[in-house]
Amino acid sequence: MHPAWALLRLASPQLPIGGYSYSQGLEMAVENGQVHGPDSARRWLEDQLLLNLARFEAPLLLAHCEAAVEDDWPRLLQLAAEHRASRETRELQLESRQMGYSLGQLLDGLPELDQPARDCLAAAGEPGLALAWALAARAWRIPPTEALAAWLWGWLENQLAVLMKTLPLGQQAAQRLTSALLPSLDEAARIAAERAPEDWGSLAFGLALASMGHERQYSRLFRS
C-alpha cells in the first residue's frame, strides 16, 4: 500500500473528529480587531506556530507518537496526562477531549488498531486528541515526524478556514497566506523535533485570553 494514503487520511478534513468546528481563539481575535486582514492574520499564525506550538504542543505530540511506536504505554499515558493538564482554558480542554473522543471512537471500530493500543485507549478513559492521534499514526504505520507534519498541516488548514469565514478573505488570498506560512510550518516541525523535554513550554497569554473571550462571545460561528 502506498504510504501517502495513510498520511493523507490522517490529515484529511474528512476525518470525522470535528476539527473544523473550532477556531482556537482566532474568531475572538477577529472580533476584537487583533486580526483584521492578511498581514495581521499572518502575524497571528506565525506567532502561534513559532512561539507556541513549536515550543510545547508540537514536541509533546511528537513524543506521544514516538511512545506509541515504541510500545511504551506508561510513558504514553503520562504524556497524555501532561497534555490534558496543559489546556489553559475550558474551551481548549473541551476541544481536545471531544476530538480525542471522536478519533478514539473511529479507531475502536477499525481493524488496524491492535490490542495493546486498544488497551491503552481504554486505560486513558477520556483520551485527548494527542493520544488518539498517536494511536492513529501507529495503527496506520505513519512515522512520528510525518504524523506531526500532518497535525501541523491540519492546524494551518483549520485556521485558514476560520479566516475565510470570519474575514473578507477569499480562497486565493488564503493560498497566498499558505505560501507565506509554509517556511514557518517547516521551521515549527524542525524546532519541535529538536527540542528537549526539559525545554518544552510556552506562555501564550494572547491565545488564552482570546480563547476565554471566545467562550463568552455573543455571536460566533465556531464552538466554544
N, C-alpha and C. Protein backbone atom coordinates (compact mmCIF):
# COMPACT_ATOMS: atom_id res chain seq x y z
N MET A 1 0.84 -1.20 0.00
CA MET A 1 0.00 0.00 0.00
C MET A 1 0.88 1.25 0.00
N HIS A 2 0.50 2.25 -0.80
CA HIS A 2 1.28 3.47 -0.88
C HIS A 2 1.23 4.20 0.46
N PRO A 3 2.38 4.57 1.03
CA PRO A 3 2.37 5.22 2.35
C PRO A 3 1.66 6.56 2.37
N ALA A 4 1.54 7.21 1.21
CA ALA A 4 0.88 8.52 1.18
C ALA A 4 -0.60 8.41 1.53
N TRP A 5 -1.22 7.25 1.25
CA TRP A 5 -2.66 7.15 1.53
C TRP A 5 -2.95 7.36 3.01
N ALA A 6 -2.17 6.71 3.85
CA ALA A 6 -2.40 6.82 5.29
C ALA A 6 -2.16 8.24 5.78
N LEU A 7 -1.11 8.88 5.26
CA LEU A 7 -0.81 10.25 5.69
C LEU A 7 -1.92 11.21 5.26
N LEU A 8 -2.39 11.06 4.02
CA LEU A 8 -3.47 11.91 3.55
C LEU A 8 -4.76 11.65 4.33
N ARG A 9 -4.96 10.42 4.71
CA ARG A 9 -6.15 10.08 5.51
C ARG A 9 -6.12 10.76 6.86
N LEU A 10 -4.95 10.75 7.51
CA LEU A 10 -4.83 11.35 8.83
C LEU A 10 -4.99 12.86 8.76
N ALA A 11 -4.47 13.48 7.71
CA ALA A 11 -4.52 14.94 7.59
C ALA A 11 -5.80 15.45 6.96
N SER A 12 -6.63 14.56 6.47
CA SER A 12 -7.81 14.97 5.71
C SER A 12 -8.85 15.69 6.57
N PRO A 13 -9.47 16.77 6.04
CA PRO A 13 -10.58 17.40 6.76
C PRO A 13 -11.80 16.50 6.84
N GLN A 14 -11.81 15.40 6.06
CA GLN A 14 -12.91 14.44 6.12
C GLN A 14 -12.80 13.49 7.31
N LEU A 15 -11.67 13.52 8.00
CA LEU A 15 -11.55 12.69 9.21
C LEU A 15 -12.61 13.17 10.19
N PRO A 16 -13.52 12.30 10.60
CA PRO A 16 -14.71 12.76 11.35
C PRO A 16 -14.43 13.00 12.84
N ILE A 17 -13.64 14.05 13.12
CA ILE A 17 -13.32 14.34 14.52
C ILE A 17 -13.73 15.75 14.93
N GLY A 18 -14.32 16.50 14.01
CA GLY A 18 -14.85 17.81 14.38
C GLY A 18 -13.85 18.93 14.47
N GLY A 19 -12.67 18.77 13.86
CA GLY A 19 -11.64 19.80 13.98
C GLY A 19 -12.07 21.15 13.44
N TYR A 20 -12.91 21.14 12.40
CA TYR A 20 -13.30 22.40 11.77
C TYR A 20 -14.48 23.06 12.48
N SER A 21 -14.82 22.57 13.66
CA SER A 21 -15.84 23.22 14.48
C SER A 21 -15.24 24.26 15.41
N TYR A 22 -13.92 24.31 15.51
CA TYR A 22 -13.25 25.15 16.49
C TYR A 22 -12.36 26.19 15.81
N SER A 23 -12.19 27.33 16.49
CA SER A 23 -11.31 28.38 15.93
C SER A 23 -10.05 28.59 16.76
N GLN A 24 -9.96 27.97 17.94
CA GLN A 24 -8.80 28.13 18.83
C GLN A 24 -8.52 29.61 19.13
N GLY A 25 -9.57 30.35 19.42
CA GLY A 25 -9.42 31.75 19.80
C GLY A 25 -9.33 32.72 18.65
N LEU A 26 -9.14 32.22 17.42
CA LEU A 26 -8.95 33.12 16.28
C LEU A 26 -10.21 33.93 15.98
N GLU A 27 -11.38 33.33 16.16
CA GLU A 27 -12.61 34.08 15.91
C GLU A 27 -12.71 35.28 16.84
N MET A 28 -12.28 35.12 18.09
CA MET A 28 -12.30 36.25 19.02
C MET A 28 -11.27 37.29 18.63
N ALA A 29 -10.12 36.86 18.13
CA ALA A 29 -9.09 37.80 17.68
C ALA A 29 -9.59 38.64 16.51
N VAL A 30 -10.41 38.05 15.66
CA VAL A 30 -11.03 38.80 14.58
C VAL A 30 -12.07 39.77 15.14
N GLU A 31 -12.86 39.28 16.09
CA GLU A 31 -13.92 40.11 16.69
C GLU A 31 -13.36 41.36 17.36
N ASN A 32 -12.23 41.22 18.07
CA ASN A 32 -11.70 42.38 18.80
C ASN A 32 -10.69 43.20 17.99
N GLY A 33 -10.50 42.83 16.72
CA GLY A 33 -9.69 43.64 15.83
C GLY A 33 -8.21 43.31 15.81
N GLN A 34 -7.77 42.31 16.58
CA GLN A 34 -6.35 41.93 16.52
C GLN A 34 -5.98 41.37 15.16
N VAL A 35 -6.90 40.63 14.57
CA VAL A 35 -6.70 40.10 13.22
C VAL A 35 -7.76 40.74 12.34
N HIS A 36 -7.31 41.51 11.33
CA HIS A 36 -8.26 42.27 10.52
C HIS A 36 -7.95 42.22 9.03
N GLY A 37 -6.95 41.47 8.65
CA GLY A 37 -6.60 41.35 7.23
C GLY A 37 -5.46 40.37 7.06
N PRO A 38 -4.99 40.18 5.82
CA PRO A 38 -3.94 39.18 5.56
C PRO A 38 -2.66 39.40 6.36
N ASP A 39 -2.20 40.62 6.52
CA ASP A 39 -0.94 40.87 7.22
C ASP A 39 -1.05 40.53 8.71
N SER A 40 -2.12 40.99 9.34
CA SER A 40 -2.29 40.68 10.77
C SER A 40 -2.58 39.20 10.97
N ALA A 41 -3.26 38.58 10.01
CA ALA A 41 -3.50 37.13 10.10
C ALA A 41 -2.19 36.36 10.03
N ARG A 42 -1.32 36.79 9.14
CA ARG A 42 -0.02 36.12 9.03
C ARG A 42 0.77 36.25 10.33
N ARG A 43 0.76 37.45 10.92
CA ARG A 43 1.49 37.62 12.19
C ARG A 43 0.91 36.72 13.28
N TRP A 44 -0.40 36.66 13.37
CA TRP A 44 -1.04 35.81 14.39
C TRP A 44 -0.65 34.35 14.21
N LEU A 45 -0.74 33.87 12.97
CA LEU A 45 -0.46 32.45 12.71
C LEU A 45 1.02 32.14 12.88
N GLU A 46 1.91 33.02 12.43
CA GLU A 46 3.35 32.79 12.62
C GLU A 46 3.71 32.77 14.10
N ASP A 47 3.14 33.68 14.87
CA ASP A 47 3.40 33.69 16.31
C ASP A 47 2.90 32.41 16.95
N GLN A 48 1.72 31.97 16.54
CA GLN A 48 1.18 30.73 17.07
C GLN A 48 2.11 29.55 16.77
N LEU A 49 2.57 29.49 15.53
CA LEU A 49 3.42 28.38 15.12
C LEU A 49 4.76 28.37 15.87
N LEU A 50 5.45 29.51 15.85
CA LEU A 50 6.84 29.54 16.31
C LEU A 50 6.99 29.83 17.79
N LEU A 51 6.07 30.57 18.39
CA LEU A 51 6.19 30.93 19.80
C LEU A 51 5.37 30.03 20.71
N ASN A 52 4.44 29.28 20.14
CA ASN A 52 3.57 28.44 20.96
C ASN A 52 3.67 26.96 20.55
N LEU A 53 3.16 26.63 19.39
CA LEU A 53 3.09 25.21 19.01
C LEU A 53 4.47 24.56 18.93
N ALA A 54 5.42 25.23 18.30
CA ALA A 54 6.75 24.64 18.12
C ALA A 54 7.46 24.41 19.45
N ARG A 55 7.13 25.20 20.46
CA ARG A 55 7.85 25.13 21.74
C ARG A 55 7.24 24.14 22.74
N PHE A 56 5.95 23.81 22.54
CA PHE A 56 5.35 22.92 23.52
C PHE A 56 4.44 21.86 22.89
N GLU A 57 3.34 22.30 22.27
CA GLU A 57 2.35 21.32 21.85
C GLU A 57 2.88 20.39 20.76
N ALA A 58 3.65 20.91 19.82
CA ALA A 58 4.19 20.07 18.76
C ALA A 58 5.21 19.04 19.27
N PRO A 59 6.21 19.43 20.09
CA PRO A 59 7.11 18.40 20.62
C PRO A 59 6.40 17.41 21.53
N LEU A 60 5.37 17.87 22.24
CA LEU A 60 4.60 16.95 23.09
C LEU A 60 3.84 15.95 22.24
N LEU A 61 3.26 16.40 21.14
CA LEU A 61 2.56 15.48 20.23
C LEU A 61 3.53 14.49 19.61
N LEU A 62 4.70 14.98 19.20
CA LEU A 62 5.72 14.10 18.62
C LEU A 62 6.13 13.03 19.62
N ALA A 63 6.28 13.41 20.89
CA ALA A 63 6.63 12.43 21.92
C ALA A 63 5.53 11.39 22.10
N HIS A 64 4.27 11.79 22.00
CA HIS A 64 3.16 10.83 22.02
C HIS A 64 3.35 9.79 20.91
N CYS A 65 3.62 10.28 19.71
CA CYS A 65 3.74 9.38 18.56
C CYS A 65 4.93 8.44 18.71
N GLU A 66 6.03 8.94 19.23
CA GLU A 66 7.21 8.10 19.44
C GLU A 66 6.94 7.03 20.50
N ALA A 67 6.28 7.39 21.57
CA ALA A 67 5.96 6.42 22.62
C ALA A 67 5.03 5.33 22.08
N ALA A 68 4.07 5.71 21.24
CA ALA A 68 3.15 4.72 20.68
C ALA A 68 3.88 3.74 19.77
N VAL A 69 4.80 4.25 18.95
CA VAL A 69 5.57 3.37 18.06
C VAL A 69 6.44 2.41 18.86
N GLU A 70 6.97 2.89 19.99
CA GLU A 70 7.87 2.07 20.82
C GLU A 70 7.14 1.18 21.82
N ASP A 71 5.81 1.17 21.77
CA ASP A 71 5.00 0.38 22.72
C ASP A 71 5.27 0.77 24.17
N ASP A 72 5.60 2.02 24.39
CA ASP A 72 5.87 2.50 25.75
C ASP A 72 4.57 3.09 26.32
N TRP A 73 3.70 2.19 26.75
CA TRP A 73 2.36 2.60 27.16
C TRP A 73 2.33 3.43 28.43
N PRO A 74 3.14 3.12 29.46
CA PRO A 74 3.15 4.01 30.64
C PRO A 74 3.57 5.44 30.29
N ARG A 75 4.60 5.58 29.45
CA ARG A 75 5.02 6.93 29.05
C ARG A 75 3.94 7.62 28.23
N LEU A 76 3.28 6.89 27.36
CA LEU A 76 2.23 7.49 26.54
C LEU A 76 1.09 8.02 27.41
N LEU A 77 0.70 7.25 28.41
CA LEU A 77 -0.37 7.70 29.31
C LEU A 77 0.08 8.90 30.15
N GLN A 78 1.36 8.92 30.54
CA GLN A 78 1.87 10.06 31.29
C GLN A 78 1.89 11.32 30.42
N LEU A 79 2.30 11.17 29.18
CA LEU A 79 2.30 12.30 28.25
C LEU A 79 0.87 12.80 28.02
N ALA A 80 -0.08 11.86 27.94
CA ALA A 80 -1.47 12.25 27.74
C ALA A 80 -1.98 13.05 28.94
N ALA A 81 -1.57 12.67 30.13
CA ALA A 81 -1.96 13.42 31.33
C ALA A 81 -1.35 14.82 31.31
N GLU A 82 -0.10 14.93 30.87
CA GLU A 82 0.54 16.24 30.77
C GLU A 82 -0.16 17.12 29.73
N HIS A 83 -0.55 16.51 28.63
CA HIS A 83 -1.26 17.27 27.60
C HIS A 83 -2.60 17.77 28.13
N ARG A 84 -3.32 16.91 28.84
CA ARG A 84 -4.61 17.30 29.40
C ARG A 84 -4.45 18.45 30.40
N ALA A 85 -3.42 18.39 31.20
CA ALA A 85 -3.19 19.43 32.21
C ALA A 85 -2.76 20.75 31.59
N SER A 86 -2.25 20.71 30.37
CA SER A 86 -1.72 21.92 29.74
C SER A 86 -2.79 22.77 29.06
N ARG A 87 -4.01 22.28 28.97
CA ARG A 87 -5.08 23.05 28.31
C ARG A 87 -5.45 24.23 29.20
N GLU A 88 -5.13 25.45 28.76
CA GLU A 88 -5.24 26.62 29.63
C GLU A 88 -6.67 27.05 29.90
N THR A 89 -7.58 26.77 28.97
CA THR A 89 -8.94 27.26 29.11
C THR A 89 -9.92 26.10 28.99
N ARG A 90 -11.13 26.35 29.45
CA ARG A 90 -12.18 25.34 29.33
C ARG A 90 -12.43 25.00 27.87
N GLU A 91 -12.42 26.01 27.00
CA GLU A 91 -12.66 25.80 25.59
C GLU A 91 -11.61 24.86 24.98
N LEU A 92 -10.33 25.13 25.25
CA LEU A 92 -9.27 24.29 24.69
C LEU A 92 -9.31 22.88 25.27
N GLN A 93 -9.68 22.76 26.54
CA GLN A 93 -9.79 21.44 27.14
C GLN A 93 -10.92 20.63 26.51
N LEU A 94 -12.08 21.26 26.32
CA LEU A 94 -13.21 20.55 25.72
C LEU A 94 -12.93 20.20 24.26
N GLU A 95 -12.23 21.08 23.55
CA GLU A 95 -11.88 20.79 22.16
C GLU A 95 -11.02 19.52 22.07
N SER A 96 -9.97 19.46 22.88
CA SER A 96 -9.09 18.29 22.85
C SER A 96 -9.84 17.02 23.25
N ARG A 97 -10.68 17.14 24.26
CA ARG A 97 -11.41 15.96 24.73
C ARG A 97 -12.43 15.47 23.71
N GLN A 98 -13.15 16.40 23.09
CA GLN A 98 -14.16 16.00 22.11
C GLN A 98 -13.52 15.38 20.87
N MET A 99 -12.45 16.02 20.37
CA MET A 99 -11.79 15.50 19.18
C MET A 99 -11.09 14.17 19.48
N GLY A 100 -10.49 14.07 20.67
CA GLY A 100 -9.87 12.81 21.06
C GLY A 100 -10.89 11.69 21.18
N TYR A 101 -12.04 12.00 21.77
CA TYR A 101 -13.11 11.01 21.89
C TYR A 101 -13.56 10.54 20.51
N SER A 102 -13.79 11.49 19.60
CA SER A 102 -14.27 11.14 18.26
C SER A 102 -13.27 10.28 17.50
N LEU A 103 -11.98 10.65 17.58
CA LEU A 103 -10.96 9.86 16.90
C LEU A 103 -10.81 8.49 17.57
N GLY A 104 -10.92 8.44 18.91
CA GLY A 104 -10.86 7.17 19.61
C GLY A 104 -12.00 6.24 19.20
N GLN A 105 -13.21 6.80 19.06
CA GLN A 105 -14.36 6.00 18.63
C GLN A 105 -14.15 5.47 17.22
N LEU A 106 -13.58 6.31 16.36
CA LEU A 106 -13.29 5.86 14.99
C LEU A 106 -12.28 4.71 15.01
N LEU A 107 -11.20 4.87 15.75
CA LEU A 107 -10.17 3.83 15.79
C LEU A 107 -10.69 2.53 16.37
N ASP A 108 -11.54 2.65 17.37
CA ASP A 108 -12.06 1.46 18.03
C ASP A 108 -12.87 0.58 17.08
N GLY A 109 -13.43 1.19 16.04
CA GLY A 109 -14.21 0.43 15.07
C GLY A 109 -13.43 -0.02 13.85
N LEU A 110 -12.11 0.21 13.85
CA LEU A 110 -11.29 -0.15 12.70
C LEU A 110 -10.40 -1.35 13.01
N PRO A 111 -10.18 -2.23 12.02
CA PRO A 111 -9.37 -3.42 12.29
C PRO A 111 -7.88 -3.13 12.46
N GLU A 112 -7.41 -1.95 12.01
CA GLU A 112 -5.97 -1.67 12.08
C GLU A 112 -5.45 -1.49 13.50
N LEU A 113 -6.31 -1.15 14.43
CA LEU A 113 -5.87 -0.89 15.80
C LEU A 113 -5.64 -2.22 16.52
N ASP A 114 -4.39 -2.47 16.95
CA ASP A 114 -4.10 -3.75 17.60
C ASP A 114 -4.51 -3.72 19.08
N GLN A 115 -4.41 -4.87 19.73
CA GLN A 115 -4.94 -4.99 21.08
C GLN A 115 -4.18 -4.14 22.10
N PRO A 116 -2.85 -4.06 22.07
CA PRO A 116 -2.18 -3.18 23.03
C PRO A 116 -2.63 -1.73 22.92
N ALA A 117 -2.84 -1.26 21.69
CA ALA A 117 -3.31 0.11 21.50
C ALA A 117 -4.74 0.27 22.00
N ARG A 118 -5.56 -0.75 21.79
CA ARG A 118 -6.94 -0.71 22.31
C ARG A 118 -6.94 -0.65 23.84
N ASP A 119 -6.03 -1.42 24.45
CA ASP A 119 -5.94 -1.40 25.91
C ASP A 119 -5.52 -0.02 26.42
N CYS A 120 -4.58 0.61 25.70
CA CYS A 120 -4.13 1.94 26.09
C CYS A 120 -5.27 2.94 25.96
N LEU A 121 -6.02 2.85 24.87
CA LEU A 121 -7.15 3.74 24.65
C LEU A 121 -8.17 3.59 25.77
N ALA A 122 -8.43 2.36 26.18
CA ALA A 122 -9.39 2.11 27.26
C ALA A 122 -8.86 2.64 28.59
N ALA A 123 -7.56 2.48 28.81
CA ALA A 123 -6.96 2.93 30.08
C ALA A 123 -6.96 4.44 30.20
N ALA A 124 -6.96 5.13 29.06
CA ALA A 124 -6.92 6.60 29.08
C ALA A 124 -8.22 7.21 29.57
N GLY A 125 -9.31 6.46 29.51
CA GLY A 125 -10.59 6.98 29.96
C GLY A 125 -11.16 7.98 28.97
N GLU A 126 -10.77 9.24 29.10
CA GLU A 126 -11.19 10.29 28.17
C GLU A 126 -9.95 10.77 27.42
N PRO A 127 -9.60 10.11 26.32
CA PRO A 127 -8.36 10.46 25.61
C PRO A 127 -8.44 11.84 24.98
N GLY A 128 -7.34 12.58 25.08
CA GLY A 128 -7.24 13.84 24.37
C GLY A 128 -6.84 13.58 22.93
N LEU A 129 -6.82 14.64 22.14
CA LEU A 129 -6.51 14.49 20.72
C LEU A 129 -5.09 13.96 20.51
N ALA A 130 -4.12 14.40 21.30
CA ALA A 130 -2.73 13.98 21.08
C ALA A 130 -2.58 12.47 21.23
N LEU A 131 -3.21 11.90 22.25
CA LEU A 131 -3.14 10.45 22.45
C LEU A 131 -3.79 9.71 21.30
N ALA A 132 -5.00 10.11 20.93
CA ALA A 132 -5.71 9.43 19.85
C ALA A 132 -4.96 9.59 18.53
N TRP A 133 -4.36 10.76 18.31
CA TRP A 133 -3.59 11.00 17.08
C TRP A 133 -2.40 10.04 17.02
N ALA A 134 -1.72 9.88 18.13
CA ALA A 134 -0.56 8.98 18.18
C ALA A 134 -0.97 7.53 17.89
N LEU A 135 -2.11 7.12 18.43
CA LEU A 135 -2.58 5.75 18.20
C LEU A 135 -3.02 5.57 16.75
N ALA A 136 -3.61 6.61 16.16
CA ALA A 136 -3.98 6.53 14.74
C ALA A 136 -2.73 6.40 13.87
N ALA A 137 -1.71 7.20 14.18
CA ALA A 137 -0.47 7.12 13.41
C ALA A 137 0.16 5.74 13.53
N ARG A 138 0.12 5.18 14.72
CA ARG A 138 0.67 3.83 14.93
C ARG A 138 -0.12 2.79 14.15
N ALA A 139 -1.45 2.90 14.20
CA ALA A 139 -2.31 1.93 13.52
C ALA A 139 -2.10 1.98 12.01
N TRP A 140 -1.87 3.18 11.48
CA TRP A 140 -1.73 3.34 10.04
C TRP A 140 -0.27 3.40 9.60
N ARG A 141 0.64 3.06 10.51
CA ARG A 141 2.07 2.94 10.22
C ARG A 141 2.67 4.23 9.65
N ILE A 142 2.30 5.33 10.26
CA ILE A 142 2.82 6.64 9.87
C ILE A 142 3.96 7.00 10.82
N PRO A 143 5.16 7.27 10.34
CA PRO A 143 6.28 7.63 11.22
C PRO A 143 5.95 8.87 12.05
N PRO A 144 6.48 8.97 13.25
CA PRO A 144 6.15 10.10 14.13
C PRO A 144 6.34 11.48 13.52
N THR A 145 7.46 11.70 12.82
CA THR A 145 7.68 13.03 12.26
C THR A 145 6.64 13.37 11.19
N GLU A 146 6.20 12.36 10.44
CA GLU A 146 5.18 12.61 9.43
C GLU A 146 3.81 12.82 10.07
N ALA A 147 3.56 12.12 11.18
CA ALA A 147 2.31 12.34 11.91
C ALA A 147 2.26 13.76 12.46
N LEU A 148 3.41 14.26 12.92
CA LEU A 148 3.48 15.64 13.38
C LEU A 148 3.22 16.60 12.23
N ALA A 149 3.81 16.33 11.07
CA ALA A 149 3.59 17.19 9.91
C ALA A 149 2.12 17.23 9.52
N ALA A 150 1.45 16.07 9.59
CA ALA A 150 0.02 16.03 9.27
C ALA A 150 -0.78 16.86 10.26
N TRP A 151 -0.39 16.80 11.52
CA TRP A 151 -1.10 17.58 12.56
C TRP A 151 -0.90 19.08 12.35
N LEU A 152 0.33 19.49 12.05
CA LEU A 152 0.60 20.90 11.79
C LEU A 152 -0.15 21.38 10.55
N TRP A 153 -0.17 20.57 9.51
CA TRP A 153 -0.88 20.95 8.30
C TRP A 153 -2.37 21.10 8.57
N GLY A 154 -2.95 20.16 9.33
CA GLY A 154 -4.36 20.24 9.67
C GLY A 154 -4.66 21.49 10.48
N TRP A 155 -3.75 21.85 11.39
CA TRP A 155 -3.94 23.06 12.19
C TRP A 155 -3.97 24.29 11.29
N LEU A 156 -3.02 24.37 10.35
CA LEU A 156 -2.96 25.53 9.46
C LEU A 156 -4.19 25.61 8.58
N GLU A 157 -4.61 24.49 8.00
CA GLU A 157 -5.81 24.49 7.16
C GLU A 157 -7.03 24.94 7.95
N ASN A 158 -7.14 24.48 9.19
CA ASN A 158 -8.26 24.89 10.03
C ASN A 158 -8.26 26.39 10.27
N GLN A 159 -7.09 26.94 10.60
CA GLN A 159 -7.01 28.37 10.87
C GLN A 159 -7.32 29.20 9.62
N LEU A 160 -6.90 28.75 8.48
CA LEU A 160 -7.21 29.46 7.24
C LEU A 160 -8.71 29.37 6.93
N ALA A 161 -9.33 28.23 7.24
CA ALA A 161 -10.78 28.11 7.04
C ALA A 161 -11.52 29.07 7.95
N VAL A 162 -11.02 29.23 9.19
CA VAL A 162 -11.63 30.20 10.11
C VAL A 162 -11.56 31.60 9.52
N LEU A 163 -10.39 31.97 8.99
CA LEU A 163 -10.21 33.30 8.43
C LEU A 163 -11.13 33.54 7.24
N MET A 164 -11.32 32.52 6.40
CA MET A 164 -12.19 32.70 5.24
C MET A 164 -13.65 32.88 5.63
N LYS A 165 -14.02 32.39 6.81
CA LYS A 165 -15.40 32.53 7.27
C LYS A 165 -15.62 33.79 8.09
N THR A 166 -14.56 34.34 8.68
CA THR A 166 -14.74 35.48 9.58
C THR A 166 -14.20 36.79 9.04
N LEU A 167 -13.36 36.72 8.02
CA LEU A 167 -12.81 37.93 7.38
C LEU A 167 -13.28 37.98 5.92
N PRO A 168 -13.18 39.11 5.29
CA PRO A 168 -13.33 39.13 3.83
C PRO A 168 -12.04 38.60 3.18
N LEU A 169 -11.82 37.30 3.34
CA LEU A 169 -10.60 36.66 2.83
C LEU A 169 -11.01 35.53 1.89
N GLY A 170 -10.69 35.67 0.62
CA GLY A 170 -11.06 34.66 -0.36
C GLY A 170 -10.08 33.51 -0.43
N GLN A 171 -10.39 32.56 -1.29
CA GLN A 171 -9.57 31.36 -1.39
C GLN A 171 -8.18 31.68 -1.96
N GLN A 172 -8.10 32.60 -2.89
CA GLN A 172 -6.79 32.94 -3.44
C GLN A 172 -5.91 33.61 -2.39
N ALA A 173 -6.51 34.50 -1.60
CA ALA A 173 -5.75 35.14 -0.52
C ALA A 173 -5.31 34.10 0.50
N ALA A 174 -6.16 33.10 0.76
CA ALA A 174 -5.79 32.04 1.69
C ALA A 174 -4.62 31.23 1.15
N GLN A 175 -4.60 31.00 -0.16
CA GLN A 175 -3.48 30.27 -0.76
C GLN A 175 -2.19 31.09 -0.71
N ARG A 176 -2.32 32.40 -0.85
CA ARG A 176 -1.12 33.24 -0.72
C ARG A 176 -0.59 33.19 0.70
N LEU A 177 -1.50 33.17 1.69
CA LEU A 177 -1.08 33.02 3.08
C LEU A 177 -0.40 31.68 3.30
N THR A 178 -0.94 30.64 2.68
CA THR A 178 -0.32 29.30 2.79
C THR A 178 1.12 29.34 2.29
N SER A 179 1.33 29.94 1.13
CA SER A 179 2.69 30.04 0.57
C SER A 179 3.61 30.80 1.52
N ALA A 180 3.09 31.87 2.12
CA ALA A 180 3.90 32.68 3.03
C ALA A 180 4.22 31.95 4.31
N LEU A 181 3.33 31.04 4.73
CA LEU A 181 3.49 30.39 6.04
C LEU A 181 4.17 29.03 5.97
N LEU A 182 4.34 28.48 4.78
CA LEU A 182 4.97 27.15 4.68
C LEU A 182 6.37 27.11 5.29
N PRO A 183 7.22 28.14 5.10
CA PRO A 183 8.52 28.10 5.79
C PRO A 183 8.38 28.07 7.31
N SER A 184 7.41 28.79 7.85
CA SER A 184 7.19 28.77 9.31
C SER A 184 6.69 27.41 9.76
N LEU A 185 5.86 26.78 8.93
CA LEU A 185 5.38 25.43 9.25
C LEU A 185 6.55 24.46 9.31
N ASP A 186 7.44 24.57 8.34
CA ASP A 186 8.63 23.72 8.30
C ASP A 186 9.53 23.99 9.50
N GLU A 187 9.69 25.27 9.85
CA GLU A 187 10.52 25.65 10.99
C GLU A 187 9.92 25.13 12.30
N ALA A 188 8.60 25.18 12.43
CA ALA A 188 7.95 24.67 13.64
C ALA A 188 8.19 23.17 13.80
N ALA A 189 8.10 22.43 12.69
CA ALA A 189 8.37 20.99 12.76
C ALA A 189 9.81 20.71 13.15
N ARG A 190 10.74 21.50 12.61
CA ARG A 190 12.15 21.31 12.94
C ARG A 190 12.42 21.60 14.42
N ILE A 191 11.89 22.72 14.91
CA ILE A 191 12.10 23.07 16.32
C ILE A 191 11.52 22.00 17.23
N ALA A 192 10.33 21.52 16.90
CA ALA A 192 9.67 20.50 17.73
C ALA A 192 10.50 19.23 17.81
N ALA A 193 11.10 18.84 16.68
CA ALA A 193 11.88 17.60 16.65
C ALA A 193 13.18 17.73 17.44
N GLU A 194 13.70 18.95 17.56
CA GLU A 194 15.00 19.15 18.22
C GLU A 194 14.86 19.56 19.68
N ARG A 195 13.69 19.91 20.13
CA ARG A 195 13.51 20.49 21.47
C ARG A 195 13.52 19.40 22.53
N ALA A 196 14.38 19.53 23.52
CA ALA A 196 14.48 18.56 24.60
C ALA A 196 13.29 18.71 25.56
N PRO A 197 12.85 17.62 26.19
CA PRO A 197 11.69 17.70 27.08
C PRO A 197 11.81 18.75 28.17
N GLU A 198 13.03 18.95 28.70
CA GLU A 198 13.19 19.95 29.76
C GLU A 198 13.00 21.38 29.25
N ASP A 199 12.97 21.55 27.92
CA ASP A 199 12.77 22.88 27.34
C ASP A 199 11.36 23.08 26.80
N TRP A 200 10.48 22.09 26.97
CA TRP A 200 9.12 22.25 26.50
C TRP A 200 8.42 23.33 27.32
N GLY A 201 7.66 24.16 26.66
CA GLY A 201 6.88 25.15 27.38
C GLY A 201 6.65 26.39 26.55
N SER A 202 5.50 27.03 26.76
CA SER A 202 5.20 28.30 26.11
C SER A 202 4.29 29.10 27.03
N LEU A 203 4.26 30.40 26.81
CA LEU A 203 3.40 31.29 27.60
C LEU A 203 2.54 32.08 26.63
N ALA A 204 1.54 31.41 26.10
CA ALA A 204 0.69 32.01 25.06
C ALA A 204 -0.47 32.76 25.71
N PHE A 205 -0.14 33.89 26.36
CA PHE A 205 -1.17 34.66 27.07
C PHE A 205 -2.25 35.17 26.11
N GLY A 206 -1.83 35.65 24.95
CA GLY A 206 -2.80 36.18 23.99
C GLY A 206 -3.78 35.13 23.54
N LEU A 207 -3.28 33.91 23.28
CA LEU A 207 -4.16 32.82 22.88
C LEU A 207 -5.14 32.47 24.00
N ALA A 208 -4.63 32.38 25.23
CA ALA A 208 -5.51 32.03 26.35
C ALA A 208 -6.59 33.08 26.55
N LEU A 209 -6.23 34.36 26.43
CA LEU A 209 -7.21 35.43 26.60
C LEU A 209 -8.24 35.40 25.47
N ALA A 210 -7.78 35.15 24.24
CA ALA A 210 -8.71 35.07 23.12
C ALA A 210 -9.65 33.89 23.29
N SER A 211 -9.13 32.76 23.77
CA SER A 211 -9.96 31.58 23.98
C SER A 211 -10.99 31.82 25.08
N MET A 212 -10.58 32.44 26.18
CA MET A 212 -11.52 32.74 27.26
C MET A 212 -12.59 33.73 26.80
N GLY A 213 -12.17 34.71 25.99
CA GLY A 213 -13.14 35.65 25.45
C GLY A 213 -14.12 34.98 24.52
N HIS A 214 -13.63 34.03 23.75
CA HIS A 214 -14.50 33.32 22.81
C HIS A 214 -15.56 32.49 23.52
N GLU A 215 -15.24 32.01 24.71
CA GLU A 215 -16.24 31.25 25.47
C GLU A 215 -17.48 32.07 25.76
N ARG A 216 -17.31 33.40 25.82
CA ARG A 216 -18.42 34.29 26.16
C ARG A 216 -18.84 35.17 24.99
N GLN A 217 -18.25 34.94 23.82
CA GLN A 217 -18.57 35.77 22.65
C GLN A 217 -20.03 35.59 22.28
N TYR A 218 -20.76 36.69 22.12
CA TYR A 218 -22.21 36.61 21.93
C TYR A 218 -22.57 35.95 20.60
N SER A 219 -21.97 36.43 19.54
CA SER A 219 -22.29 35.90 18.21
C SER A 219 -21.04 35.23 17.64
N ARG A 220 -21.12 33.95 17.36
CA ARG A 220 -19.94 33.23 16.87
C ARG A 220 -20.35 32.10 15.94
N LEU A 221 -19.42 31.73 15.09
CA LEU A 221 -19.64 30.63 14.14
C LEU A 221 -19.10 29.31 14.68
N PHE A 222 -18.10 29.39 15.57
CA PHE A 222 -17.38 28.19 15.97
C PHE A 222 -17.71 27.80 17.41
N ARG A 223 -17.48 26.56 17.71
CA ARG A 223 -17.84 26.01 19.03
C ARG A 223 -16.97 26.59 20.13
N SER A 224 -17.53 26.61 21.32
CA SER A 224 -16.81 27.09 22.48
C SER A 224 -16.93 26.07 23.59
